[in-house]
Amino acid sequence: MQLIVEHIDPAKVSVLLAAHFNGDTSDALCMKACYSALLSPETCYVFFARYAALNGYAGPLVARLASSLGLSRGIFNDQAEYSDVSDKDMLIAQHVFAATVDEYGDNRQRGLTHRTLAQATVAAMARYAGLTRRRREQLGHLPVQYKPVLSAFIRDYQGEVGNARDLIRALGFHLASEQRADREYALIDEVFCHSSWGKEFKAWLADNKRIELAGESIPVWYWVATHGHYGGTGVEWAHFDEALGAIRLARRYSPIALDEFDRLIEEGYQAFIDLIDTAFITLTAECEALAETDTLVFA
């Protein structure tokens, strides 16, 4: 994992991490969930409602991690400096906080939050599925099986103020979140808009490019495409690069031995991979069960 801080090019680091943590498996789980979403219009709605619900916590949690680092004054120090100017916690926090700026105001969408943009996509999927208000309320609530994923997401992301090991582990968790998000959104765009599986959805999207929400006309697919898209990258790629910058600085000023630092980064990274894999497995199961129910009803 030492290569994380030695390589400047995030593309090289991404390949390393994907190989080290079996990224192909995570890609497969994400794509399987996407394919299960396309089993019916209702499962399509469920996919985006769940994905938006879980990802809606990312922006606040990144801000919390940045805050936890900034409040941990003197944990990460430059030993060559005088003690009154030696703390580097805010320098590290700066790189983390950079990933949340877009979340609170997208400058290409009139300052709308990414949560609002995600809600626009969810609302559009409800329209695509032709959901009545009652049916949307039935399907829209986050089921109990996602609660452990959400609880672990909140617990592991923010870090504990003043706890060096927990903060370092959270930096690894954050790194994985940004690296996987870049892949996930690109895979979602690929399956829904660039594969034969998604041809019906793509045709609908071509005729329904915008939706009205909270007094705004919002592009339906912008939330996905701005984070990552098929054949390219989005804002998550820049966030991943910033996360690497935070880890480089944290490692330089680490209060603990470097071998333990690297182990904690790996541990945090793997914890997120396990968590998001679980989320996609859960989402696939929910979509497949719903699609089977639909088949039985209409058979």
C-alpha atoms as a PDB file:
ATOM      1  CA  MET A   1       0.000   0.000   0.000  1.00  0.00           C
ATOM      2  CA  GLN A   2       3.051   2.276   0.230  1.00  0.00           C
ATOM      3  CA  LEU A   3       2.672   2.737  -3.541  1.00  0.00           C
ATOM      4  CA  ILE A   4      -0.432   4.804  -2.815  1.00  0.00           C
ATOM      5  CA  VAL A   5       1.659   7.713  -1.609  1.00  0.00           C
ATOM      6  CA  GLU A   6       4.608   7.282  -3.949  1.00  0.00           C
ATOM      7  CA  HIS A   7       2.732   7.382  -7.254  1.00  0.00           C
ATOM      8  CA  ILE A   8       1.369  10.709  -8.404  1.00  0.00           C
ATOM      9  CA  ASP A   9      -0.845   9.405 -11.189  1.00  0.00           C
ATOM     10  CA  PRO A  10      -4.190   8.310  -9.666  1.00  0.00           C
ATOM     11  CA  ALA A  11      -4.819   6.045 -12.659  1.00  0.00           C
ATOM     12  CA  LYS A  12      -1.878   3.870 -11.639  1.00  0.00           C
ATOM     13  CA  VAL A  13      -3.078   3.787  -8.057  1.00  0.00           C
ATOM     14  CA  SER A  14      -6.593   2.849  -9.165  1.00  0.00           C
ATOM     15  CA  VAL A  15      -5.270  -0.154 -11.087  1.00  0.00           C
ATOM     16  CA  LEU A  16      -3.171  -1.188  -8.091  1.00  0.00           C
ATOM     17  CA  LEU A  17      -6.111  -0.982  -5.689  1.00  0.00           C
ATOM     18  CA  ALA A  18      -8.489  -2.781  -8.029  1.00  0.00           C
ATOM     19  CA  ALA A  19      -6.010  -5.642  -8.392  1.00  0.00           C
ATOM     20  CA  HIS A  20      -5.164  -5.751  -4.692  1.00  0.00           C
ATOM     21  CA  PHE A  21      -8.767  -5.729  -3.516  1.00  0.00           C
ATOM     22  CA  ASN A  22     -10.348  -7.774  -6.313  1.00  0.00           C
ATOM     23  CA  GLY A  23     -12.030  -4.816  -7.977  1.00  0.00           C
ATOM     24  CA  ASP A  24     -13.337  -7.052 -10.764  1.00  0.00           C
ATOM     25  CA  THR A  25     -15.598  -8.760  -8.254  1.00  0.00           C
ATOM     26  CA  SER A  26     -16.918  -5.426  -7.004  1.00  0.00           C
ATOM     27  CA  ASP A  27     -17.534  -4.348 -10.599  1.00  0.00           C
ATOM     28  CA  ALA A  28     -19.440  -7.567 -11.231  1.00  0.00           C
ATOM     29  CA  LEU A  29     -21.622  -7.067  -8.163  1.00  0.00           C
ATOM     30  CA  CYS A  30     -22.400  -3.501  -9.200  1.00  0.00           C
ATOM     31  CA  MET A  31     -23.274  -4.544 -12.747  1.00  0.00           C
ATOM     32  CA  LYS A  32     -25.423  -7.434 -11.517  1.00  0.00           C
ATOM     33  CA  ALA A  33     -27.415  -4.964  -9.432  1.00  0.00           C
ATOM     34  CA  CYS A  34     -27.797  -2.743 -12.503  1.00  0.00           C
ATOM     35  CA  TYR A  35     -29.047  -5.649 -14.601  1.00  0.00           C
ATOM     36  CA  SER A  36     -31.501  -6.631 -11.863  1.00  0.00           C
ATOM     37  CA  ALA A  37     -32.759  -3.034 -11.879  1.00  0.00           C
ATOM     38  CA  LEU A  38     -33.673  -3.363 -15.537  1.00  0.00           C
ATOM     39  CA  LEU A  39     -35.947  -6.341 -14.914  1.00  0.00           C
ATOM     40  CA  SER A  40     -38.923  -3.977 -14.654  1.00  0.00           C
ATOM     41  CA  PRO A  41     -39.687  -0.250 -14.352  1.00  0.00           C
ATOM     42  CA  GLU A  42     -40.419  -0.704 -10.636  1.00  0.00           C
ATOM     43  CA  THR A  43     -37.079  -2.371  -9.976  1.00  0.00           C
ATOM     44  CA  CYS A  44     -35.454   0.479 -11.873  1.00  0.00           C
ATOM     45  CA  TYR A  45     -37.079   2.899  -9.443  1.00  0.00           C
ATOM     46  CA  VAL A  46     -35.992   0.811  -6.442  1.00  0.00           C
ATOM     47  CA  PHE A  47     -32.380   0.703  -7.640  1.00  0.00           C
ATOM     48  CA  PHE A  48     -32.069   4.467  -7.881  1.00  0.00           C
ATOM     49  CA  ALA A  49     -34.081   5.140  -4.726  1.00  0.00           C
ATOM     50  CA  ARG A  50     -31.745   2.894  -2.698  1.00  0.00           C
ATOM     51  CA  TYR A  51     -28.522   4.061  -4.326  1.00  0.00           C
ATOM     52  CA  ALA A  52     -29.485   7.710  -3.849  1.00  0.00           C
ATOM     53  CA  ALA A  53     -30.568   7.098  -0.257  1.00  0.00           C
ATOM     54  CA  LEU A  54     -27.234   5.557   0.728  1.00  0.00           C
ATOM     55  CA  ASN A  55     -25.055   7.933  -1.281  1.00  0.00           C
ATOM     56  CA  GLY A  56     -26.940  10.909   0.097  1.00  0.00           C
ATOM     57  CA  TYR A  57     -24.948  10.481   3.315  1.00  0.00           C
ATOM     58  CA  ALA A  58     -21.560  10.665   1.585  1.00  0.00           C
ATOM     59  CA  GLY A  59     -21.368  14.469   1.361  1.00  0.00           C
ATOM     60  CA  PRO A  60     -22.125  15.086   5.054  1.00  0.00           C
ATOM     61  CA  LEU A  61     -19.793  12.254   6.095  1.00  0.00           C
ATOM     62  CA  VAL A  62     -16.886  13.600   4.033  1.00  0.00           C
ATOM     63  CA  ALA A  63     -17.445  16.957   5.725  1.00  0.00           C
ATOM     64  CA  ARG A  64     -17.466  15.211   9.102  1.00  0.00           C
ATOM     65  CA  LEU A  65     -14.178  13.453   8.346  1.00  0.00           C
ATOM     66  CA  ALA A  66     -12.621  16.763   7.344  1.00  0.00           C
ATOM     67  CA  SER A  67     -13.956  18.272  10.573  1.00  0.00           C
ATOM     68  CA  SER A  68     -12.677  15.347  12.657  1.00  0.00           C
ATOM     69  CA  LEU A  69      -9.220  15.857  11.184  1.00  0.00           C
ATOM     70  CA  GLY A  70      -9.305  19.618  11.688  1.00  0.00           C
ATOM     71  CA  LEU A  71     -10.431  19.234  15.302  1.00  0.00           C
ATOM     72  CA  SER A  72      -7.624  16.768  16.015  1.00  0.00           C
ATOM     73  CA  ARG A  73      -5.095  19.533  16.548  1.00  0.00           C
ATOM     74  CA  GLY A  74      -1.586  18.226  16.919  1.00  0.00           C
ATOM     75  CA  ILE A  75      -2.225  14.627  15.873  1.00  0.00           C
ATOM     76  CA  PHE A  76      -0.316  15.066  12.608  1.00  0.00           C
ATOM     77  CA  ASN A  77       2.783  17.208  13.254  1.00  0.00           C
ATOM     78  CA  ASP A  78       5.873  18.341  11.380  1.00  0.00           C
ATOM     79  CA  GLN A  79       8.574  17.499  13.874  1.00  0.00           C
ATOM     80  CA  ALA A  80      11.015  19.849  12.144  1.00  0.00           C
ATOM     81  CA  GLU A  81       8.838  22.886  12.922  1.00  0.00           C
ATOM     82  CA  TYR A  82       8.372  24.893  16.093  1.00  0.00           C
ATOM     83  CA  SER A  83       5.514  23.466  18.136  1.00  0.00           C
ATOM     84  CA  ASP A  84       3.287  26.531  17.680  1.00  0.00           C
ATOM     85  CA  VAL A  85       3.209  26.046  13.883  1.00  0.00           C
ATOM     86  CA  SER A  86       3.839  22.310  13.584  1.00  0.00           C
ATOM     87  CA  ASP A  87       0.286  20.956  13.343  1.00  0.00           C
ATOM     88  CA  LYS A  88      -0.714  19.841   9.824  1.00  0.00           C
ATOM     89  CA  ASP A  89      -4.167  18.443  10.547  1.00  0.00           C
ATOM     90  CA  MET A  90      -5.940  21.178   8.595  1.00  0.00           C
ATOM     91  CA  LEU A  91      -3.717  20.609   5.560  1.00  0.00           C
ATOM     92  CA  ILE A  92      -4.878  17.010   5.492  1.00  0.00           C
ATOM     93  CA  ALA A  93      -8.484  18.024   6.139  1.00  0.00           C
ATOM     94  CA  GLN A  94      -8.318  20.449   3.207  1.00  0.00           C
ATOM     95  CA  HIS A  95      -7.808  17.583   0.759  1.00  0.00           C
ATOM     96  CA  VAL A  96     -10.715  15.653   2.261  1.00  0.00           C
ATOM     97  CA  PHE A  97     -13.044  18.644   2.324  1.00  0.00           C
ATOM     98  CA  ALA A  98     -12.380  19.292  -1.387  1.00  0.00           C
ATOM     99  CA  ALA A  99     -14.497  16.218  -2.141  1.00  0.00           C
ATOM    100  CA  THR A 100     -17.569  17.669  -0.492  1.00  0.00           C
ATOM    101  CA  VAL A 101     -17.640  21.113  -2.118  1.00  0.00           C
ATOM    102  CA  ASP A 102     -19.561  19.823  -5.163  1.00  0.00           C
ATOM    103  CA  GLU A 103     -22.010  18.014  -2.893  1.00  0.00           C
ATOM    104  CA  TYR A 104     -23.224  21.271  -1.377  1.00  0.00           C
ATOM    105  CA  GLY A 105     -23.480  23.299  -4.564  1.00  0.00           C
ATOM    106  CA  ASP A 106     -22.890  22.193  -8.157  1.00  0.00           C
ATOM    107  CA  ASN A 107     -21.673  25.238 -10.070  1.00  0.00           C
ATOM    108  CA  ARG A 108     -22.952  23.791 -13.358  1.00  0.00           C
ATOM    109  CA  GLN A 109     -26.462  23.329 -11.974  1.00  0.00           C
ATOM    110  CA  ARG A 110     -27.201  26.713 -10.393  1.00  0.00           C
ATOM    111  CA  GLY A 111     -25.662  25.714  -7.079  1.00  0.00           C
ATOM    112  CA  LEU A 112     -28.039  22.799  -6.530  1.00  0.00           C
ATOM    113  CA  THR A 113     -26.839  20.199  -4.043  1.00  0.00           C
ATOM    114  CA  HIS A 114     -26.017  16.744  -5.320  1.00  0.00           C
ATOM    115  CA  ARG A 115     -28.710  15.436  -2.990  1.00  0.00           C
ATOM    116  CA  THR A 116     -31.249  17.547  -4.892  1.00  0.00           C
ATOM    117  CA  LEU A 117     -29.871  16.291  -8.211  1.00  0.00           C
ATOM    118  CA  ALA A 118     -30.133  12.698  -6.953  1.00  0.00           C
ATOM    119  CA  GLN A 119     -33.716  13.330  -5.859  1.00  0.00           C
ATOM    120  CA  ALA A 120     -34.485  14.536  -9.380  1.00  0.00           C
ATOM    121  CA  THR A 121     -33.227  11.231 -10.780  1.00  0.00           C
ATOM    122  CA  VAL A 122     -35.296   9.287  -8.250  1.00  0.00           C
ATOM    123  CA  ALA A 123     -38.405  11.328  -9.091  1.00  0.00           C
ATOM    124  CA  ALA A 124     -37.811  10.658 -12.782  1.00  0.00           C
ATOM    125  CA  MET A 125     -37.539   6.914 -12.122  1.00  0.00           C
ATOM    126  CA  ALA A 126     -40.884   7.032 -10.311  1.00  0.00           C
ATOM    127  CA  ARG A 127     -42.359   8.630 -13.418  1.00  0.00           C
ATOM    128  CA  TYR A 128     -40.689   6.024 -15.638  1.00  0.00           C
ATOM    129  CA  ALA A 129     -42.280   3.286 -13.506  1.00  0.00           C
ATOM    130  CA  GLY A 130     -45.661   5.006 -13.588  1.00  0.00           C
ATOM    131  CA  LEU A 131     -45.941   4.804  -9.813  1.00  0.00           C
ATOM    132  CA  THR A 132     -49.025   6.037  -8.036  1.00  0.00           C
ATOM    133  CA  ARG A 133     -48.423   8.103  -4.921  1.00  0.00           C
ATOM    134  CA  ARG A 134     -49.380   5.128  -2.744  1.00  0.00           C
ATOM    135  CA  ARG A 135     -47.100   2.717  -4.589  1.00  0.00           C
ATOM    136  CA  ARG A 136     -44.208   5.186  -4.480  1.00  0.00           C
ATOM    137  CA  GLU A 137     -44.634   5.529  -0.715  1.00  0.00           C
ATOM    138  CA  GLN A 138     -44.651   1.737  -0.403  1.00  0.00           C
ATOM    139  CA  LEU A 139     -41.456   1.282  -2.389  1.00  0.00           C
ATOM    140  CA  GLY A 140     -39.636   4.448  -1.357  1.00  0.00           C
ATOM    141  CA  HIS A 141     -38.818   3.703   2.278  1.00  0.00           C
ATOM    142  CA  LEU A 142     -35.383   2.202   2.923  1.00  0.00           C
ATOM    143  CA  PRO A 143     -35.999  -1.429   3.984  1.00  0.00           C
ATOM    144  CA  VAL A 144     -34.630  -2.740   7.247  1.00  0.00           C
ATOM    145  CA  GLN A 145     -32.015  -4.931   5.534  1.00  0.00           C
ATOM    146  CA  TYR A 146     -30.079  -1.810   4.502  1.00  0.00           C
ATOM    147  CA  LYS A 147     -29.865  -0.397   8.023  1.00  0.00           C
ATOM    148  CA  PRO A 148     -26.653  -2.294   9.009  1.00  0.00           C
ATOM    149  CA  VAL A 149     -24.960  -1.029   5.839  1.00  0.00           C
ATOM    150  CA  LEU A 150     -26.022   2.536   6.551  1.00  0.00           C
ATOM    151  CA  SER A 151     -24.985   2.322  10.212  1.00  0.00           C
ATOM    152  CA  ALA A 152     -21.527   1.013   9.316  1.00  0.00           C
ATOM    153  CA  PHE A 153     -21.183   3.645   6.595  1.00  0.00           C
ATOM    154  CA  ILE A 154     -21.873   6.452   9.076  1.00  0.00           C
ATOM    155  CA  ARG A 155     -19.732   4.925  11.826  1.00  0.00           C
ATOM    156  CA  ASP A 156     -16.623   4.171   9.767  1.00  0.00           C
ATOM    157  CA  TYR A 157     -16.511   7.239   7.520  1.00  0.00           C
ATOM    158  CA  GLN A 158     -16.316  10.189   9.904  1.00  0.00           C
ATOM    159  CA  GLY A 159     -13.361   9.208  12.061  1.00  0.00           C
ATOM    160  CA  GLU A 160     -13.000   9.958  15.767  1.00  0.00           C
ATOM    161  CA  VAL A 161     -11.597  13.310  16.869  1.00  0.00           C
ATOM    162  CA  GLY A 162      -8.191  12.877  18.502  1.00  0.00           C
ATOM    163  CA  ASN A 163      -7.897   9.175  17.627  1.00  0.00           C
ATOM    164  CA  ALA A 164      -4.982   8.845  15.189  1.00  0.00           C
ATOM    165  CA  ARG A 165      -5.636   5.229  14.248  1.00  0.00           C
ATOM    166  CA  ASP A 166      -9.336   5.761  13.658  1.00  0.00           C
ATOM    167  CA  LEU A 167      -8.658   8.851  11.543  1.00  0.00           C
ATOM    168  CA  ILE A 168      -6.100   7.008   9.414  1.00  0.00           C
ATOM    169  CA  ARG A 169      -8.479   4.078   8.943  1.00  0.00           C
ATOM    170  CA  ALA A 170     -11.192   6.548   7.929  1.00  0.00           C
ATOM    171  CA  LEU A 171      -8.847   8.008   5.309  1.00  0.00           C
ATOM    172  CA  GLY A 172      -8.567   4.540   3.772  1.00  0.00           C
ATOM    173  CA  PHE A 173     -12.349   4.211   3.910  1.00  0.00           C
ATOM    174  CA  HIS A 174     -12.706   7.594   2.194  1.00  0.00           C
ATOM    175  CA  LEU A 175     -10.185   6.634  -0.498  1.00  0.00           C
ATOM    176  CA  ALA A 176     -12.151   3.491  -1.337  1.00  0.00           C
ATOM    177  CA  SER A 177     -15.421   5.430  -1.396  1.00  0.00           C
ATOM    178  CA  GLU A 178     -14.107   7.842  -4.011  1.00  0.00           C
ATOM    179  CA  GLN A 179     -12.362   5.184  -6.092  1.00  0.00           C
ATOM    180  CA  ARG A 180     -15.378   2.875  -6.145  1.00  0.00           C
ATOM    181  CA  ALA A 181     -17.849   5.705  -6.799  1.00  0.00           C
ATOM    182  CA  ASP A 182     -15.967   6.611  -9.969  1.00  0.00           C
ATOM    183  CA  ARG A 183     -16.367   3.030 -11.173  1.00  0.00           C
ATOM    184  CA  GLU A 184     -19.947   2.591  -9.979  1.00  0.00           C
ATOM    185  CA  TYR A 185     -21.381   5.618 -11.734  1.00  0.00           C
ATOM    186  CA  ALA A 186     -19.500   4.703 -14.923  1.00  0.00           C
ATOM    187  CA  LEU A 187     -20.906   1.160 -14.769  1.00  0.00           C
ATOM    188  CA  ILE A 188     -24.422   2.461 -14.107  1.00  0.00           C
ATOM    189  CA  ASP A 189     -24.146   4.726 -17.133  1.00  0.00           C
ATOM    190  CA  GLU A 190     -22.796   1.840 -19.208  1.00  0.00           C
ATOM    191  CA  VAL A 191     -25.551  -0.631 -18.332  1.00  0.00           C
ATOM    192  CA  PHE A 192     -28.493   1.772 -18.452  1.00  0.00           C
ATOM    193  CA  CYS A 193     -27.466   3.888 -21.435  1.00  0.00           C
ATOM    194  CA  HIS A 194     -24.914   1.935 -23.476  1.00  0.00           C
ATOM    195  CA  SER A 195     -26.026  -1.697 -23.404  1.00  0.00           C
ATOM    196  CA  SER A 196     -28.787  -3.648 -25.089  1.00  0.00           C
ATOM    197  CA  TRP A 197     -30.286  -4.319 -21.652  1.00  0.00           C
ATOM    198  CA  GLY A 198     -31.047  -0.649 -21.223  1.00  0.00           C
ATOM    199  CA  LYS A 199     -32.436   0.175 -24.661  1.00  0.00           C
ATOM    200  CA  GLU A 200     -36.003   0.716 -23.440  1.00  0.00           C
ATOM    201  CA  PHE A 201     -34.854   2.926 -20.603  1.00  0.00           C
ATOM    202  CA  LYS A 202     -32.544   4.874 -22.916  1.00  0.00           C
ATOM    203  CA  ALA A 203     -35.419   5.478 -25.346  1.00  0.00           C
ATOM    204  CA  TRP A 204     -37.557   6.783 -22.477  1.00  0.00           C
ATOM    205  CA  LEU A 205     -34.716   8.982 -21.245  1.00  0.00           C
ATOM    206  CA  ALA A 206     -34.303  10.514 -24.709  1.00  0.00           C
ATOM    207  CA  ASP A 207     -37.874  11.811 -24.484  1.00  0.00           C
ATOM    208  CA  ASN A 208     -37.693  12.730 -20.779  1.00  0.00           C
ATOM    209  CA  LYS A 209     -34.439  14.586 -20.329  1.00  0.00           C
ATOM    210  CA  ARG A 210     -35.563  16.957 -17.575  1.00  0.00           C
ATOM    211  CA  ILE A 211     -37.901  16.929 -14.606  1.00  0.00           C
ATOM    212  CA  GLU A 212     -39.380  19.648 -12.423  1.00  0.00           C
ATOM    213  CA  LEU A 213     -38.476  19.403  -8.747  1.00  0.00           C
ATOM    214  CA  ALA A 214     -38.597  22.034  -6.014  1.00  0.00           C
ATOM    215  CA  GLY A 215     -39.215  24.759  -8.558  1.00  0.00           C
ATOM    216  CA  GLU A 216     -36.226  23.759 -10.682  1.00  0.00           C
ATOM    217  CA  SER A 217     -35.935  22.117 -14.096  1.00  0.00           C
ATOM    218  CA  ILE A 218     -33.254  19.476 -13.561  1.00  0.00           C
ATOM    219  CA  PRO A 219     -31.577  17.104 -16.060  1.00  0.00           C
ATOM    220  CA  VAL A 220     -32.674  13.585 -15.190  1.00  0.00           C
ATOM    221  CA  TRP A 221     -29.314  11.897 -15.790  1.00  0.00           C
ATOM    222  CA  TYR A 222     -26.989  14.682 -14.640  1.00  0.00           C
ATOM    223  CA  TRP A 223     -26.524  13.228 -11.152  1.00  0.00           C
ATOM    224  CA  VAL A 224     -25.115  10.003 -12.618  1.00  0.00           C
ATOM    225  CA  ALA A 225     -23.064  11.525 -15.430  1.00  0.00           C
ATOM    226  CA  THR A 226     -21.396  14.221 -13.344  1.00  0.00           C
ATOM    227  CA  HIS A 227     -20.001  11.629 -10.935  1.00  0.00           C
ATOM    228  CA  GLY A 228     -18.797   9.205 -13.605  1.00  0.00           C
ATOM    229  CA  HIS A 229     -19.775   8.086 -17.070  1.00  0.00           C
ATOM    230  CA  TYR A 230     -19.086   5.322 -19.552  1.00  0.00           C
ATOM    231  CA  GLY A 231     -15.737   5.780 -21.267  1.00  0.00           C
ATOM    232  CA  GLY A 232     -14.719   8.680 -19.040  1.00  0.00           C
ATOM    233  CA  THR A 233     -14.536  10.088 -15.555  1.00  0.00           C
ATOM    234  CA  GLY A 234     -16.455  12.630 -13.502  1.00  0.00           C
ATOM    235  CA  VAL A 235     -15.974  14.560 -10.281  1.00  0.00           C
ATOM    236  CA  GLU A 236     -15.263  11.391  -8.305  1.00  0.00           C
ATOM    237  CA  TRP A 237     -11.945  11.026 -10.109  1.00  0.00           C
ATOM    238  CA  ALA A 238     -10.782  14.437  -8.869  1.00  0.00           C
ATOM    239  CA  HIS A 239     -12.054  13.542  -5.393  1.00  0.00           C
ATOM    240  CA  PHE A 240     -10.033  10.326  -5.500  1.00  0.00           C
ATOM    241  CA  ASP A 241      -6.923  12.317  -6.362  1.00  0.00           C
ATOM    242  CA  GLU A 242      -7.585  14.632  -3.412  1.00  0.00           C
ATOM    243  CA  ALA A 243      -8.019  11.609  -1.133  1.00  0.00           C
ATOM    244  CA  LEU A 244      -4.583  10.412  -2.210  1.00  0.00           C
ATOM    245  CA  GLY A 245      -3.200  13.838  -1.361  1.00  0.00           C
ATOM    246  CA  ALA A 246      -4.685  13.614   2.127  1.00  0.00           C
ATOM    247  CA  ILE A 247      -3.099  10.193   2.677  1.00  0.00           C
ATOM    248  CA  ARG A 248       0.296  11.356   1.427  1.00  0.00           C
ATOM    249  CA  LEU A 249       0.316  14.214   3.927  1.00  0.00           C
ATOM    250  CA  ALA A 250      -1.041  12.076   6.759  1.00  0.00           C
ATOM    251  CA  ARG A 251       1.669   9.510   6.153  1.00  0.00           C
ATOM    252  CA  ARG A 252       4.377  12.178   6.098  1.00  0.00           C
ATOM    253  CA  TYR A 253       3.234  13.527   9.466  1.00  0.00           C
ATOM    254  CA  SER A 254       1.993  10.269  10.934  1.00  0.00           C
ATOM    255  CA  PRO A 255       2.311   9.901  14.720  1.00  0.00           C
ATOM    256  CA  ILE A 256       2.496   6.113  14.375  1.00  0.00           C
ATOM    257  CA  ALA A 257       4.887   3.732  12.608  1.00  0.00           C
ATOM    258  CA  LEU A 258       4.543   3.710   8.836  1.00  0.00           C
ATOM    259  CA  ASP A 259       3.928  -0.024   8.566  1.00  0.00           C
ATOM    260  CA  GLU A 260       0.965   0.329  10.917  1.00  0.00           C
ATOM    261  CA  PHE A 261      -0.189   3.413   9.005  1.00  0.00           C
ATOM    262  CA  ASP A 262      -0.247   1.421   5.770  1.00  0.00           C
ATOM    263  CA  ARG A 263      -2.088  -1.444   7.457  1.00  0.00           C
ATOM    264  CA  LEU A 264      -4.771   0.926   8.747  1.00  0.00           C
ATOM    265  CA  ILE A 265      -5.239   2.474   5.295  1.00  0.00           C
ATOM    266  CA  GLU A 266      -5.676  -1.012   3.832  1.00  0.00           C
ATOM    267  CA  GLU A 267      -8.064  -1.978   6.618  1.00  0.00           C
ATOM    268  CA  GLY A 268     -10.229   1.080   6.032  1.00  0.00           C
ATOM    269  CA  TYR A 269     -10.160   0.590   2.291  1.00  0.00           C
ATOM    270  CA  GLN A 270     -11.198  -3.053   2.577  1.00  0.00           C
ATOM    271  CA  ALA A 271     -13.949  -2.185   5.050  1.00  0.00           C
ATOM    272  CA  PHE A 272     -15.573   0.093   2.497  1.00  0.00           C
ATOM    273  CA  ILE A 273     -15.210  -2.455  -0.309  1.00  0.00           C
ATOM    274  CA  ASP A 274     -16.908  -5.093   1.845  1.00  0.00           C
ATOM    275  CA  LEU A 275     -19.661  -2.635   2.735  1.00  0.00           C
ATOM    276  CA  ILE A 276     -20.488  -1.486  -0.797  1.00  0.00           C
ATOM    277  CA  ASP A 277     -20.340  -5.083  -2.054  1.00  0.00           C
ATOM    278  CA  THR A 278     -22.885  -5.994   0.612  1.00  0.00           C
ATOM    279  CA  ALA A 279     -25.066  -3.062  -0.445  1.00  0.00           C
ATOM    280  CA  PHE A 280     -25.118  -4.219  -4.075  1.00  0.00           C
ATOM    281  CA  ILE A 281     -25.804  -7.834  -3.085  1.00  0.00           C
ATOM    282  CA  THR A 282     -28.721  -6.623  -0.965  1.00  0.00           C
ATOM    283  CA  LEU A 283     -29.989  -4.406  -3.774  1.00  0.00           C
ATOM    284  CA  THR A 284     -29.803  -7.230  -6.306  1.00  0.00           C
ATOM    285  CA  ALA A 285     -31.781  -9.513  -4.012  1.00  0.00           C
ATOM    286  CA  GLU A 286     -34.453  -6.866  -3.468  1.00  0.00           C
ATOM    287  CA  CYS A 287     -34.834  -6.133  -7.174  1.00  0.00           C
ATOM    288  CA  GLU A 288     -34.961  -9.806  -8.126  1.00  0.00           C
ATOM    289  CA  ALA A 289     -37.593 -10.517  -5.455  1.00  0.00           C
ATOM    290  CA  LEU A 290     -39.700  -7.573  -6.618  1.00  0.00           C
ATOM    291  CA  ALA A 291     -39.409  -8.629 -10.261  1.00  0.00           C
ATOM    292  CA  GLU A 292     -40.482 -12.162  -9.352  1.00  0.00           C
ATOM    293  CA  THR A 293     -43.526 -10.772  -7.530  1.00  0.00           C
ATOM    294  CA  ASP A 294     -44.417  -8.697 -10.576  1.00  0.00           C
ATOM    295  CA  THR A 295     -44.145 -11.774 -12.790  1.00  0.00           C
ATOM    296  CA  LEU A 296     -46.444 -13.767 -10.515  1.00  0.00           C
ATOM    297  CA  VAL A 297     -48.993 -10.941 -10.384  1.00  0.00           C
ATOM    298  CA  PHE A 298     -49.168 -10.510 -14.139  1.00  0.00           C
ATOM    299  CA  ALA A 299     -48.786 -14.156 -15.154  1.00  0.00           C
END
